[in-house]
Amino acid sequence: MAHAEWYGHTGGPGRSGQAADGGRQEKRGRRGRGKRAGTRGAGTRGEKRREKHLRRGLRREVPSTVGLLADAHDFAAMRRYRTFVFDDHAVYLRHVDTLLKELASQGVPATVALFDPDEYAEYCEDTGLDPDSVAGRGRYTARIPASGAAVAYTGQSVDVLVPQLISTAVRKATWEYATTLLADLGDCADCGEDIAGAAFDRASHMLERLLEAAGPGTHHLVCSVPVGTEQLLAVVHAEHPAGEREPVRLGSSEAAEFVSVLAVGIALESAGGVVLRTTVPGDDDRVHGWRLSRSSLVPLTAGEVFNAYCTDAETGDPLAPESGVDYRAGFAVSLDGPGDTGRHH
């Protein structure tokens, strides 16, 4: 409408004294102006479509974080807030699942973060935010990935996401507890060396030598160390390519957690153990085991590995052995060279 008014304003009547064909020229002029107006309008519509396309593209560059209440207890704790609209946990999970699928369909990268109602209440108290507000929940959710448990959404269902988040939270808590224990150890009374640093170096060297000696394959290592009434557990997965010059590939965060837990066992001279399971295509899985003793890994016999794998840890009852699994003695883990600091207290 604005363009029509503008063109009407510029299109004046012909000068007096013009010939009769002036009317025809005026009509042709109006038709020409109409075509130009249509062209200008089409250009504007094209610009608007481009702007919309660019905004959509930018939206796909902005990641989203979705806070998830993983269990019914946490969900019930949030129901005390008037602005929290859900009253059924199963319905809530279904809506979260739908939201994540919608984000994925729009090309928006999403992270799912474990929402802790107790930490949320503390955060609101510290920051002065109203906990009974959408803004408060949004601000808290945005910060979870930096310090809490979070996993990337890759299309997995909520039934898969929940155990992933809980496992991530447990791993993080274990790593924080292990690093706190190590930080409190101080220096060796005999040699003055940092006990935690020496134990961490030795544990790193152990992991490196274990993976080197295990050879090519997909490796799954578990380290278990008792500390008082707690049982610290860490897991690391690694890929060892067949080529001699190919480096072992493993996740840095998993490796740090594994080494930290093993370092606690070394520093405290705690009983503990390491189990290694190796998978090579076309062969049976191989399982090896070691016990931690006086800061060293002592190989278990094949029978001890079998008993450890085929016994229920809680009840002590025997478990049926897995088919396609070869239970083997642990191999010697040499620690000669850098990192072999030995005992310090």
C-alpha atoms as a PDB file:
ATOM      1  CA  MET A   1       0.000   0.000   0.000  1.00  0.00           C
ATOM      2  CA  ALA A   2       2.844   2.360   0.829  1.00  0.00           C
ATOM      3  CA  HIS A   3       4.448   1.771  -2.567  1.00  0.00           C
ATOM      4  CA  ALA A   4       1.133   2.369  -4.342  1.00  0.00           C
ATOM      5  CA  GLU A   5       0.702   5.689  -2.553  1.00  0.00           C
ATOM      6  CA  TRP A   6       4.285   6.719  -3.336  1.00  0.00           C
ATOM      7  CA  TYR A   7       3.937   5.949  -7.033  1.00  0.00           C
ATOM      8  CA  GLY A   8       0.539   7.639  -7.166  1.00  0.00           C
ATOM      9  CA  HIS A   9       2.086  10.729  -5.650  1.00  0.00           C
ATOM     10  CA  THR A  10       4.813  10.895  -8.302  1.00  0.00           C
ATOM     11  CA  GLY A  11       2.515  10.184 -11.202  1.00  0.00           C
ATOM     12  CA  GLY A  12       0.857  13.618 -11.982  1.00  0.00           C
ATOM     13  CA  PRO A  13      -1.598  14.548 -14.776  1.00  0.00           C
ATOM     14  CA  GLY A  14      -0.344  15.544 -18.241  1.00  0.00           C
ATOM     15  CA  ARG A  15       0.347  19.214 -19.180  1.00  0.00           C
ATOM     16  CA  SER A  16      -2.565  21.195 -20.658  1.00  0.00           C
ATOM     17  CA  GLY A  17      -2.620  21.371 -24.441  1.00  0.00           C
ATOM     18  CA  GLN A  18      -1.327  17.775 -24.925  1.00  0.00           C
ATOM     19  CA  ALA A  19      -2.692  15.799 -27.876  1.00  0.00           C
ATOM     20  CA  ALA A  20      -5.436  13.222 -27.484  1.00  0.00           C
ATOM     21  CA  ASP A  21      -2.886  10.435 -27.447  1.00  0.00           C
ATOM     22  CA  GLY A  22      -1.621  11.821 -24.152  1.00  0.00           C
ATOM     23  CA  GLY A  23      -4.237   9.702 -22.419  1.00  0.00           C
ATOM     24  CA  ARG A  24      -2.872   6.591 -24.070  1.00  0.00           C
ATOM     25  CA  GLN A  25       0.666   7.555 -23.046  1.00  0.00           C
ATOM     26  CA  GLU A  26      -0.544   8.069 -19.505  1.00  0.00           C
ATOM     27  CA  LYS A  27      -2.092   4.601 -19.507  1.00  0.00           C
ATOM     28  CA  ARG A  28       1.109   3.092 -20.816  1.00  0.00           C
ATOM     29  CA  GLY A  29       3.001   5.029 -18.167  1.00  0.00           C
ATOM     30  CA  ARG A  30       0.764   3.666 -15.454  1.00  0.00           C
ATOM     31  CA  ARG A  31       1.254   0.140 -16.754  1.00  0.00           C
ATOM     32  CA  GLY A  32       5.023   0.685 -16.780  1.00  0.00           C
ATOM     33  CA  ARG A  33       4.954   2.084 -13.285  1.00  0.00           C
ATOM     34  CA  GLY A  34       2.870  -0.871 -12.187  1.00  0.00           C
ATOM     35  CA  LYS A  35       5.491  -3.233 -13.547  1.00  0.00           C
ATOM     36  CA  ARG A  36       8.266  -1.318 -11.816  1.00  0.00           C
ATOM     37  CA  ALA A  37       6.282  -1.324  -8.577  1.00  0.00           C
ATOM     38  CA  GLY A  38       5.790  -5.084  -8.860  1.00  0.00           C
ATOM     39  CA  THR A  39       9.510  -5.536  -9.432  1.00  0.00           C
ATOM     40  CA  ARG A  40      10.331  -3.410  -6.409  1.00  0.00           C
ATOM     41  CA  GLY A  41       7.802  -5.348  -4.298  1.00  0.00           C
ATOM     42  CA  ALA A  42       9.246  -8.677  -5.423  1.00  0.00           C
ATOM     43  CA  GLY A  43      12.705  -7.449  -4.510  1.00  0.00           C
ATOM     44  CA  THR A  44      11.528  -6.452  -1.054  1.00  0.00           C
ATOM     45  CA  ARG A  45       9.863  -9.827  -0.531  1.00  0.00           C
ATOM     46  CA  GLY A  46      13.074 -11.502  -1.618  1.00  0.00           C
ATOM     47  CA  GLU A  47      15.036  -9.456   0.892  1.00  0.00           C
ATOM     48  CA  LYS A  48      12.615 -10.433   3.638  1.00  0.00           C
ATOM     49  CA  ARG A  49      12.959 -14.104   2.739  1.00  0.00           C
ATOM     50  CA  ARG A  50      16.729 -13.763   2.813  1.00  0.00           C
ATOM     51  CA  GLU A  51      16.610 -12.049   6.206  1.00  0.00           C
ATOM     52  CA  LYS A  52      14.416 -14.853   7.549  1.00  0.00           C
ATOM     53  CA  HIS A  53      16.785 -17.441   6.097  1.00  0.00           C
ATOM     54  CA  LEU A  54      19.770 -15.718   7.727  1.00  0.00           C
ATOM     55  CA  ARG A  55      18.017 -15.574  11.103  1.00  0.00           C
ATOM     56  CA  ARG A  56      17.252 -19.283  10.873  1.00  0.00           C
ATOM     57  CA  GLY A  57      20.870 -19.970  10.020  1.00  0.00           C
ATOM     58  CA  LEU A  58      22.019 -17.906  12.980  1.00  0.00           C
ATOM     59  CA  ARG A  59      19.576 -19.746  15.232  1.00  0.00           C
ATOM     60  CA  ARG A  60      21.288 -23.006  14.277  1.00  0.00           C
ATOM     61  CA  GLU A  61      24.584 -21.472  15.432  1.00  0.00           C
ATOM     62  CA  VAL A  62      23.187 -20.842  18.939  1.00  0.00           C
ATOM     63  CA  PRO A  63      23.210 -24.000  21.095  1.00  0.00           C
ATOM     64  CA  SER A  64      20.423 -24.774  23.552  1.00  0.00           C
ATOM     65  CA  THR A  65      20.720 -26.257  27.019  1.00  0.00           C
ATOM     66  CA  VAL A  66      17.788 -28.252  28.368  1.00  0.00           C
ATOM     67  CA  GLY A  67      17.668 -28.905  32.109  1.00  0.00           C
ATOM     68  CA  LEU A  68      16.335 -32.366  32.952  1.00  0.00           C
ATOM     69  CA  LEU A  69      14.839 -33.568  36.242  1.00  0.00           C
ATOM     70  CA  ALA A  70      16.025 -37.158  36.040  1.00  0.00           C
ATOM     71  CA  ASP A  71      14.024 -38.814  38.811  1.00  0.00           C
ATOM     72  CA  ALA A  72      10.660 -38.525  40.535  1.00  0.00           C
ATOM     73  CA  HIS A  73      12.231 -37.185  43.742  1.00  0.00           C
ATOM     74  CA  ASP A  74      13.804 -34.186  42.023  1.00  0.00           C
ATOM     75  CA  PHE A  75      10.624 -33.650  40.032  1.00  0.00           C
ATOM     76  CA  ALA A  76       8.545 -33.575  43.226  1.00  0.00           C
ATOM     77  CA  ALA A  77      10.912 -30.995  44.721  1.00  0.00           C
ATOM     78  CA  MET A  78      10.239 -28.621  41.806  1.00  0.00           C
ATOM     79  CA  ARG A  79       6.472 -28.898  42.095  1.00  0.00           C
ATOM     80  CA  ARG A  80       6.510 -26.534  45.077  1.00  0.00           C
ATOM     81  CA  TYR A  81       7.098 -23.690  42.629  1.00  0.00           C
ATOM     82  CA  ARG A  82       3.905 -22.184  41.198  1.00  0.00           C
ATOM     83  CA  THR A  83       5.529 -21.364  37.850  1.00  0.00           C
ATOM     84  CA  PHE A  84       6.591 -24.973  37.298  1.00  0.00           C
ATOM     85  CA  VAL A  85       3.604 -26.170  35.287  1.00  0.00           C
ATOM     86  CA  PHE A  86       4.092 -29.958  35.209  1.00  0.00           C
ATOM     87  CA  ASP A  87       2.459 -32.305  37.706  1.00  0.00           C
ATOM     88  CA  ASP A  88       3.369 -35.719  36.258  1.00  0.00           C
ATOM     89  CA  HIS A  89       6.969 -36.886  35.780  1.00  0.00           C
ATOM     90  CA  ALA A  90       6.208 -39.247  32.900  1.00  0.00           C
ATOM     91  CA  VAL A  91       4.349 -36.506  31.016  1.00  0.00           C
ATOM     92  CA  TYR A  92       7.229 -34.116  31.733  1.00  0.00           C
ATOM     93  CA  LEU A  93       9.781 -36.554  30.295  1.00  0.00           C
ATOM     94  CA  ARG A  94       7.650 -37.048  27.204  1.00  0.00           C
ATOM     95  CA  HIS A  95       7.553 -33.297  26.602  1.00  0.00           C
ATOM     96  CA  VAL A  96      11.313 -33.026  27.082  1.00  0.00           C
ATOM     97  CA  ASP A  97      11.770 -35.765  24.507  1.00  0.00           C
ATOM     98  CA  THR A  98       9.520 -33.904  22.054  1.00  0.00           C
ATOM     99  CA  LEU A  99      11.356 -30.620  22.646  1.00  0.00           C
ATOM    100  CA  LEU A 100      14.722 -32.205  21.952  1.00  0.00           C
ATOM    101  CA  LYS A 101      13.454 -33.738  18.725  1.00  0.00           C
ATOM    102  CA  GLU A 102      12.083 -30.358  17.612  1.00  0.00           C
ATOM    103  CA  LEU A 103      15.413 -28.666  18.284  1.00  0.00           C
ATOM    104  CA  ALA A 104      17.218 -31.376  16.327  1.00  0.00           C
ATOM    105  CA  SER A 105      14.790 -31.014  13.391  1.00  0.00           C
ATOM    106  CA  GLN A 106      15.625 -27.298  13.289  1.00  0.00           C
ATOM    107  CA  GLY A 107      19.349 -28.013  13.256  1.00  0.00           C
ATOM    108  CA  VAL A 108      19.853 -26.525  16.729  1.00  0.00           C
ATOM    109  CA  PRO A 109      22.625 -28.252  18.743  1.00  0.00           C
ATOM    110  CA  ALA A 110      21.343 -29.195  22.198  1.00  0.00           C
ATOM    111  CA  THR A 111      22.923 -30.189  25.478  1.00  0.00           C
ATOM    112  CA  VAL A 112      20.949 -31.930  28.209  1.00  0.00           C
ATOM    113  CA  ALA A 113      21.991 -30.974  31.744  1.00  0.00           C
ATOM    114  CA  LEU A 114      21.091 -32.642  35.030  1.00  0.00           C
ATOM    115  CA  PHE A 115      18.903 -30.209  36.980  1.00  0.00           C
ATOM    116  CA  ASP A 116      19.490 -30.428  40.747  1.00  0.00           C
ATOM    117  CA  PRO A 117      16.687 -28.721  42.748  1.00  0.00           C
ATOM    118  CA  ASP A 118      18.842 -28.310  45.880  1.00  0.00           C
ATOM    119  CA  GLU A 119      21.709 -26.686  43.983  1.00  0.00           C
ATOM    120  CA  TYR A 120      19.163 -24.554  42.141  1.00  0.00           C
ATOM    121  CA  ALA A 121      17.738 -23.228  45.418  1.00  0.00           C
ATOM    122  CA  GLU A 122      21.256 -22.411  46.661  1.00  0.00           C
ATOM    123  CA  TYR A 123      22.097 -20.689  43.381  1.00  0.00           C
ATOM    124  CA  CYS A 124      19.001 -18.486  43.582  1.00  0.00           C
ATOM    125  CA  GLU A 125      19.774 -17.591  47.189  1.00  0.00           C
ATOM    126  CA  ASP A 126      23.359 -16.652  46.307  1.00  0.00           C
ATOM    127  CA  THR A 127      22.393 -14.596  43.253  1.00  0.00           C
ATOM    128  CA  GLY A 128      19.205 -13.039  44.566  1.00  0.00           C
ATOM    129  CA  LEU A 129      17.071 -14.595  41.821  1.00  0.00           C
ATOM    130  CA  ASP A 130      13.491 -15.639  42.424  1.00  0.00           C
ATOM    131  CA  PRO A 131      13.480 -19.469  42.407  1.00  0.00           C
ATOM    132  CA  ASP A 132       9.787 -19.462  41.491  1.00  0.00           C
ATOM    133  CA  SER A 133      10.420 -17.972  38.068  1.00  0.00           C
ATOM    134  CA  VAL A 134      11.130 -19.137  34.539  1.00  0.00           C
ATOM    135  CA  ALA A 135      14.026 -16.668  34.365  1.00  0.00           C
ATOM    136  CA  GLY A 136      15.640 -18.163  37.470  1.00  0.00           C
ATOM    137  CA  ARG A 137      15.437 -21.686  36.077  1.00  0.00           C
ATOM    138  CA  GLY A 138      16.777 -20.513  32.740  1.00  0.00           C
ATOM    139  CA  ARG A 139      19.770 -18.735  34.276  1.00  0.00           C
ATOM    140  CA  TYR A 140      20.630 -21.757  36.411  1.00  0.00           C
ATOM    141  CA  THR A 141      20.239 -24.226  33.517  1.00  0.00           C
ATOM    142  CA  ALA A 142      22.557 -22.172  31.296  1.00  0.00           C
ATOM    143  CA  ARG A 143      25.413 -22.518  33.789  1.00  0.00           C
ATOM    144  CA  ILE A 144      25.109 -26.278  34.479  1.00  0.00           C
ATOM    145  CA  PRO A 145      27.336 -27.509  31.607  1.00  0.00           C
ATOM    146  CA  ALA A 146      30.252 -25.446  32.934  1.00  0.00           C
ATOM    147  CA  SER A 147      30.237 -27.110  36.350  1.00  0.00           C
ATOM    148  CA  GLY A 148      27.671 -29.909  36.444  1.00  0.00           C
ATOM    149  CA  ALA A 149      26.669 -33.057  34.607  1.00  0.00           C
ATOM    150  CA  ALA A 150      25.669 -32.602  30.962  1.00  0.00           C
ATOM    151  CA  VAL A 151      25.638 -34.689  27.792  1.00  0.00           C
ATOM    152  CA  ALA A 152      25.235 -33.775  24.140  1.00  0.00           C
ATOM    153  CA  TYR A 153      21.909 -34.673  22.543  1.00  0.00           C
ATOM    154  CA  THR A 154      22.475 -36.825  19.469  1.00  0.00           C
ATOM    155  CA  GLY A 155      18.968 -38.193  19.011  1.00  0.00           C
ATOM    156  CA  GLN A 156      18.925 -40.582  21.945  1.00  0.00           C
ATOM    157  CA  SER A 157      15.644 -41.090  23.800  1.00  0.00           C
ATOM    158  CA  VAL A 158      15.034 -39.806  27.312  1.00  0.00           C
ATOM    159  CA  ASP A 159      15.248 -43.411  28.554  1.00  0.00           C
ATOM    160  CA  VAL A 160      18.866 -43.395  27.364  1.00  0.00           C
ATOM    161  CA  LEU A 161      19.626 -39.820  28.415  1.00  0.00           C
ATOM    162  CA  VAL A 162      18.659 -40.311  32.064  1.00  0.00           C
ATOM    163  CA  PRO A 163      21.217 -43.071  32.840  1.00  0.00           C
ATOM    164  CA  GLN A 164      23.824 -41.184  30.797  1.00  0.00           C
ATOM    165  CA  LEU A 165      23.309 -38.089  32.933  1.00  0.00           C
ATOM    166  CA  ILE A 166      23.363 -40.026  36.197  1.00  0.00           C
ATOM    167  CA  SER A 167      26.542 -41.845  35.157  1.00  0.00           C
ATOM    168  CA  THR A 168      28.151 -38.524  34.223  1.00  0.00           C
ATOM    169  CA  ALA A 169      27.169 -37.038  37.592  1.00  0.00           C
ATOM    170  CA  VAL A 170      28.626 -40.021  39.471  1.00  0.00           C
ATOM    171  CA  ARG A 171      31.861 -39.818  37.486  1.00  0.00           C
ATOM    172  CA  LYS A 172      32.155 -36.114  38.181  1.00  0.00           C
ATOM    173  CA  ALA A 173      31.505 -36.580  41.905  1.00  0.00           C
ATOM    174  CA  THR A 174      34.076 -39.395  42.041  1.00  0.00           C
ATOM    175  CA  TRP A 175      36.693 -37.277  40.286  1.00  0.00           C
ATOM    176  CA  GLU A 176      36.042 -34.295  42.590  1.00  0.00           C
ATOM    177  CA  TYR A 177      36.286 -36.504  45.689  1.00  0.00           C
ATOM    178  CA  ALA A 178      39.488 -38.132  44.442  1.00  0.00           C
ATOM    179  CA  THR A 179      41.139 -34.800  43.633  1.00  0.00           C
ATOM    180  CA  THR A 180      40.100 -33.428  47.036  1.00  0.00           C
ATOM    181  CA  LEU A 181      41.690 -36.419  48.777  1.00  0.00           C
ATOM    182  CA  LEU A 182      44.889 -35.972  46.795  1.00  0.00           C
ATOM    183  CA  ALA A 183      45.032 -32.233  47.452  1.00  0.00           C
ATOM    184  CA  ASP A 184      44.905 -32.802  51.216  1.00  0.00           C
ATOM    185  CA  LEU A 185      47.863 -35.216  51.353  1.00  0.00           C
ATOM    186  CA  GLY A 186      50.650 -32.642  51.418  1.00  0.00           C
ATOM    187  CA  ASP A 187      54.352 -33.538  51.139  1.00  0.00           C
ATOM    188  CA  CYS A 188      56.191 -36.729  51.998  1.00  0.00           C
ATOM    189  CA  ALA A 189      57.685 -36.535  55.502  1.00  0.00           C
ATOM    190  CA  ASP A 190      60.786 -38.479  54.377  1.00  0.00           C
ATOM    191  CA  CYS A 191      61.722 -36.918  51.021  1.00  0.00           C
ATOM    192  CA  GLY A 192      59.620 -33.761  50.903  1.00  0.00           C
ATOM    193  CA  GLU A 193      58.097 -34.609  47.518  1.00  0.00           C
ATOM    194  CA  ASP A 194      54.480 -33.804  46.758  1.00  0.00           C
ATOM    195  CA  ILE A 195      52.647 -37.083  47.467  1.00  0.00           C
ATOM    196  CA  ALA A 196      49.688 -36.340  45.223  1.00  0.00           C
ATOM    197  CA  GLY A 197      51.858 -35.240  42.300  1.00  0.00           C
ATOM    198  CA  ALA A 198      54.076 -38.302  42.562  1.00  0.00           C
ATOM    199  CA  ALA A 199      51.074 -40.637  42.809  1.00  0.00           C
ATOM    200  CA  PHE A 200      49.391 -38.989  39.830  1.00  0.00           C
ATOM    201  CA  ASP A 201      52.545 -39.306  37.720  1.00  0.00           C
ATOM    202  CA  ARG A 202      52.887 -42.970  38.656  1.00  0.00           C
ATOM    203  CA  ALA A 203      49.226 -43.686  37.912  1.00  0.00           C
ATOM    204  CA  SER A 204      49.529 -41.960  34.523  1.00  0.00           C
ATOM    205  CA  HIS A 205      52.560 -44.078  33.728  1.00  0.00           C
ATOM    206  CA  MET A 206      50.664 -47.238  34.740  1.00  0.00           C
ATOM    207  CA  LEU A 207      47.791 -46.455  32.414  1.00  0.00           C
ATOM    208  CA  GLU A 208      50.156 -45.724  29.561  1.00  0.00           C
ATOM    209  CA  ARG A 209      52.058 -48.989  30.039  1.00  0.00           C
ATOM    210  CA  LEU A 210      48.840 -51.019  30.403  1.00  0.00           C
ATOM    211  CA  LEU A 211      47.537 -49.770  27.074  1.00  0.00           C
ATOM    212  CA  GLU A 212      50.883 -50.253  25.346  1.00  0.00           C
ATOM    213  CA  ALA A 213      51.187 -53.848  26.560  1.00  0.00           C
ATOM    214  CA  ALA A 214      47.550 -54.672  25.763  1.00  0.00           C
ATOM    215  CA  GLY A 215      48.227 -54.236  22.052  1.00  0.00           C
ATOM    216  CA  PRO A 216      45.753 -53.443  19.276  1.00  0.00           C
ATOM    217  CA  GLY A 217      42.033 -53.533  19.983  1.00  0.00           C
ATOM    218  CA  THR A 218      39.248 -51.767  21.845  1.00  0.00           C
ATOM    219  CA  HIS A 219      40.101 -51.580  25.539  1.00  0.00           C
ATOM    220  CA  HIS A 220      37.788 -51.112  28.532  1.00  0.00           C
ATOM    221  CA  LEU A 221      39.587 -50.538  31.852  1.00  0.00           C
ATOM    222  CA  VAL A 222      37.991 -50.351  35.296  1.00  0.00           C
ATOM    223  CA  CYS A 223      39.795 -49.180  38.429  1.00  0.00           C
ATOM    224  CA  SER A 224      38.260 -49.739  41.859  1.00  0.00           C
ATOM    225  CA  VAL A 225      39.738 -48.306  45.064  1.00  0.00           C
ATOM    226  CA  PRO A 226      38.141 -48.471  48.542  1.00  0.00           C
ATOM    227  CA  VAL A 227      38.471 -45.348  50.689  1.00  0.00           C
ATOM    228  CA  GLY A 228      36.878 -45.699  54.121  1.00  0.00           C
ATOM    229  CA  THR A 229      33.246 -46.589  53.524  1.00  0.00           C
ATOM    230  CA  GLU A 230      33.362 -45.314  49.940  1.00  0.00           C
ATOM    231  CA  GLN A 231      34.251 -47.279  46.828  1.00  0.00           C
ATOM    232  CA  LEU A 232      35.821 -45.123  44.128  1.00  0.00           C
ATOM    233  CA  LEU A 233      35.245 -46.443  40.637  1.00  0.00           C
ATOM    234  CA  ALA A 234      36.596 -45.107  37.339  1.00  0.00           C
ATOM    235  CA  VAL A 235      36.280 -46.361  33.773  1.00  0.00           C
ATOM    236  CA  VAL A 236      38.250 -45.500  30.649  1.00  0.00           C
ATOM    237  CA  HIS A 237      37.740 -46.628  27.058  1.00  0.00           C
ATOM    238  CA  ALA A 238      40.585 -46.635  24.544  1.00  0.00           C
ATOM    239  CA  GLU A 239      41.218 -47.556  20.933  1.00  0.00           C
ATOM    240  CA  HIS A 240      44.614 -48.985  19.997  1.00  0.00           C
ATOM    241  CA  PRO A 241      44.959 -49.098  16.181  1.00  0.00           C
ATOM    242  CA  ALA A 242      46.881 -51.970  14.601  1.00  0.00           C
ATOM    243  CA  GLY A 243      49.630 -49.802  13.090  1.00  0.00           C
ATOM    244  CA  GLU A 244      52.802 -49.577  15.141  1.00  0.00           C
ATOM    245  CA  ARG A 245      53.000 -45.798  14.788  1.00  0.00           C
ATOM    246  CA  GLU A 246      49.324 -45.198  15.494  1.00  0.00           C
ATOM    247  CA  PRO A 247      48.790 -43.581  18.915  1.00  0.00           C
ATOM    248  CA  VAL A 248      46.282 -44.929  21.411  1.00  0.00           C
ATOM    249  CA  ARG A 249      43.073 -42.889  21.361  1.00  0.00           C
ATOM    250  CA  LEU A 250      41.204 -42.257  24.605  1.00  0.00           C
ATOM    251  CA  GLY A 251      39.023 -39.542  26.085  1.00  0.00           C
ATOM    252  CA  SER A 252      40.945 -36.977  28.120  1.00  0.00           C
ATOM    253  CA  SER A 253      38.257 -36.604  30.786  1.00  0.00           C
ATOM    254  CA  GLU A 254      37.891 -40.371  31.286  1.00  0.00           C
ATOM    255  CA  ALA A 255      41.665 -40.739  31.461  1.00  0.00           C
ATOM    256  CA  ALA A 256      41.932 -37.973  34.086  1.00  0.00           C
ATOM    257  CA  GLU A 257      39.217 -39.612  36.206  1.00  0.00           C
ATOM    258  CA  PHE A 258      40.847 -43.049  35.934  1.00  0.00           C
ATOM    259  CA  VAL A 259      44.297 -41.744  36.796  1.00  0.00           C
ATOM    260  CA  SER A 260      42.951 -39.722  39.743  1.00  0.00           C
ATOM    261  CA  VAL A 261      41.241 -42.740  41.295  1.00  0.00           C
ATOM    262  CA  LEU A 262      44.307 -44.950  40.735  1.00  0.00           C
ATOM    263  CA  ALA A 263      46.495 -42.210  42.218  1.00  0.00           C
ATOM    264  CA  VAL A 264      44.373 -42.191  45.378  1.00  0.00           C
ATOM    265  CA  GLY A 265      44.987 -45.925  45.784  1.00  0.00           C
ATOM    266  CA  ILE A 266      48.720 -45.425  45.240  1.00  0.00           C
ATOM    267  CA  ALA A 267      49.032 -42.465  47.593  1.00  0.00           C
ATOM    268  CA  LEU A 268      46.998 -44.070  50.387  1.00  0.00           C
ATOM    269  CA  GLU A 269      48.502 -47.538  49.777  1.00  0.00           C
ATOM    270  CA  SER A 270      44.942 -48.776  49.583  1.00  0.00           C
ATOM    271  CA  ALA A 271      43.781 -52.143  48.386  1.00  0.00           C
ATOM    272  CA  GLY A 272      42.347 -51.855  44.930  1.00  0.00           C
ATOM    273  CA  GLY A 273      42.272 -53.405  41.531  1.00  0.00           C
ATOM    274  CA  VAL A 274      42.279 -52.884  37.790  1.00  0.00           C
ATOM    275  CA  VAL A 275      40.481 -54.983  35.186  1.00  0.00           C
ATOM    276  CA  LEU A 276      41.169 -54.752  31.451  1.00  0.00           C
ATOM    277  CA  ARG A 277      38.846 -56.128  28.796  1.00  0.00           C
ATOM    278  CA  THR A 278      40.061 -56.128  25.201  1.00  0.00           C
ATOM    279  CA  THR A 279      37.934 -56.667  22.115  1.00  0.00           C
ATOM    280  CA  VAL A 280      39.448 -57.576  18.746  1.00  0.00           C
ATOM    281  CA  PRO A 281      37.165 -58.379  15.794  1.00  0.00           C
ATOM    282  CA  GLY A 282      37.057 -62.096  15.069  1.00  0.00           C
ATOM    283  CA  ASP A 283      38.499 -63.169  18.457  1.00  0.00           C
ATOM    284  CA  ASP A 284      37.124 -63.843  21.910  1.00  0.00           C
ATOM    285  CA  ASP A 285      37.305 -60.921  24.327  1.00  0.00           C
ATOM    286  CA  ARG A 286      40.322 -61.075  26.627  1.00  0.00           C
ATOM    287  CA  VAL A 287      40.030 -60.147  30.313  1.00  0.00           C
ATOM    288  CA  HIS A 288      43.079 -59.463  32.503  1.00  0.00           C
ATOM    289  CA  GLY A 289      43.273 -58.310  36.115  1.00  0.00           C
ATOM    290  CA  TRP A 290      45.638 -56.826  38.692  1.00  0.00           C
ATOM    291  CA  ARG A 291      45.512 -55.935  42.361  1.00  0.00           C
ATOM    292  CA  LEU A 292      47.049 -52.766  43.693  1.00  0.00           C
ATOM    293  CA  SER A 293      49.695 -53.485  46.299  1.00  0.00           C
ATOM    294  CA  ARG A 294      52.362 -51.145  47.710  1.00  0.00           C
ATOM    295  CA  SER A 295      51.972 -48.690  44.811  1.00  0.00           C
ATOM    296  CA  SER A 296      52.316 -51.393  42.160  1.00  0.00           C
ATOM    297  CA  LEU A 297      50.008 -53.469  39.986  1.00  0.00           C
ATOM    298  CA  VAL A 298      50.412 -57.155  40.811  1.00  0.00           C
ATOM    299  CA  PRO A 299      49.047 -59.535  38.125  1.00  0.00           C
ATOM    300  CA  LEU A 300      46.156 -61.788  39.122  1.00  0.00           C
ATOM    301  CA  THR A 301      46.093 -65.426  38.038  1.00  0.00           C
ATOM    302  CA  ALA A 302      43.597 -66.567  35.417  1.00  0.00           C
ATOM    303  CA  GLY A 303      41.574 -68.251  38.184  1.00  0.00           C
ATOM    304  CA  GLU A 304      41.483 -65.047  40.233  1.00  0.00           C
ATOM    305  CA  VAL A 305      40.347 -63.068  37.194  1.00  0.00           C
ATOM    306  CA  PHE A 306      37.610 -65.628  36.536  1.00  0.00           C
ATOM    307  CA  ASN A 307      36.430 -65.521  40.152  1.00  0.00           C
ATOM    308  CA  ALA A 308      36.427 -61.714  40.188  1.00  0.00           C
ATOM    309  CA  TYR A 309      34.397 -61.511  36.990  1.00  0.00           C
ATOM    310  CA  CYS A 310      32.016 -64.337  37.831  1.00  0.00           C
ATOM    311  CA  THR A 311      31.076 -63.405  41.379  1.00  0.00           C
ATOM    312  CA  ASP A 312      28.292 -61.032  42.366  1.00  0.00           C
ATOM    313  CA  ALA A 313      29.987 -58.121  44.132  1.00  0.00           C
ATOM    314  CA  GLU A 314      27.018 -57.527  46.459  1.00  0.00           C
ATOM    315  CA  THR A 315      25.886 -61.039  47.359  1.00  0.00           C
ATOM    316  CA  GLY A 316      29.042 -63.080  46.711  1.00  0.00           C
ATOM    317  CA  ASP A 317      27.000 -65.564  44.690  1.00  0.00           C
ATOM    318  CA  PRO A 318      28.626 -67.112  41.612  1.00  0.00           C
ATOM    319  CA  LEU A 319      27.651 -65.760  38.199  1.00  0.00           C
ATOM    320  CA  ALA A 320      27.597 -67.696  34.954  1.00  0.00           C
ATOM    321  CA  PRO A 321      30.687 -66.938  32.826  1.00  0.00           C
ATOM    322  CA  GLU A 322      30.123 -65.034  29.603  1.00  0.00           C
ATOM    323  CA  SER A 323      30.431 -66.899  26.373  1.00  0.00           C
ATOM    324  CA  GLY A 324      33.116 -65.643  24.020  1.00  0.00           C
ATOM    325  CA  VAL A 325      35.300 -64.372  26.875  1.00  0.00           C
ATOM    326  CA  ASP A 326      38.802 -65.619  27.643  1.00  0.00           C
ATOM    327  CA  TYR A 327      39.799 -65.017  31.286  1.00  0.00           C
ATOM    328  CA  ARG A 328      43.582 -64.590  31.450  1.00  0.00           C
ATOM    329  CA  ALA A 329      46.216 -63.761  34.027  1.00  0.00           C
ATOM    330  CA  GLY A 330      47.363 -60.173  34.230  1.00  0.00           C
ATOM    331  CA  PHE A 331      50.621 -59.377  32.470  1.00  0.00           C
ATOM    332  CA  ALA A 332      53.626 -57.636  34.013  1.00  0.00           C
ATOM    333  CA  VAL A 333      53.412 -53.839  33.963  1.00  0.00           C
ATOM    334  CA  SER A 334      56.936 -52.385  33.867  1.00  0.00           C
ATOM    335  CA  LEU A 335      57.299 -48.929  35.373  1.00  0.00           C
ATOM    336  CA  ASP A 336      60.965 -48.356  34.657  1.00  0.00           C
ATOM    337  CA  GLY A 337      61.681 -44.812  33.532  1.00  0.00           C
ATOM    338  CA  PRO A 338      60.011 -41.450  34.186  1.00  0.00           C
ATOM    339  CA  GLY A 339      57.072 -41.615  36.542  1.00  0.00           C
ATOM    340  CA  ASP A 340      58.425 -44.574  38.560  1.00  0.00           C
ATOM    341  CA  THR A 341      58.700 -42.640  41.788  1.00  0.00           C
ATOM    342  CA  GLY A 342      57.987 -45.556  44.083  1.00  0.00           C
ATOM    343  CA  ARG A 343      56.680 -45.115  47.637  1.00  0.00           C
ATOM    344  CA  HIS A 344      57.025 -41.808  49.426  1.00  0.00           C
ATOM    345  CA  HIS A 345      55.632 -42.311  52.889  1.00  0.00           C
END
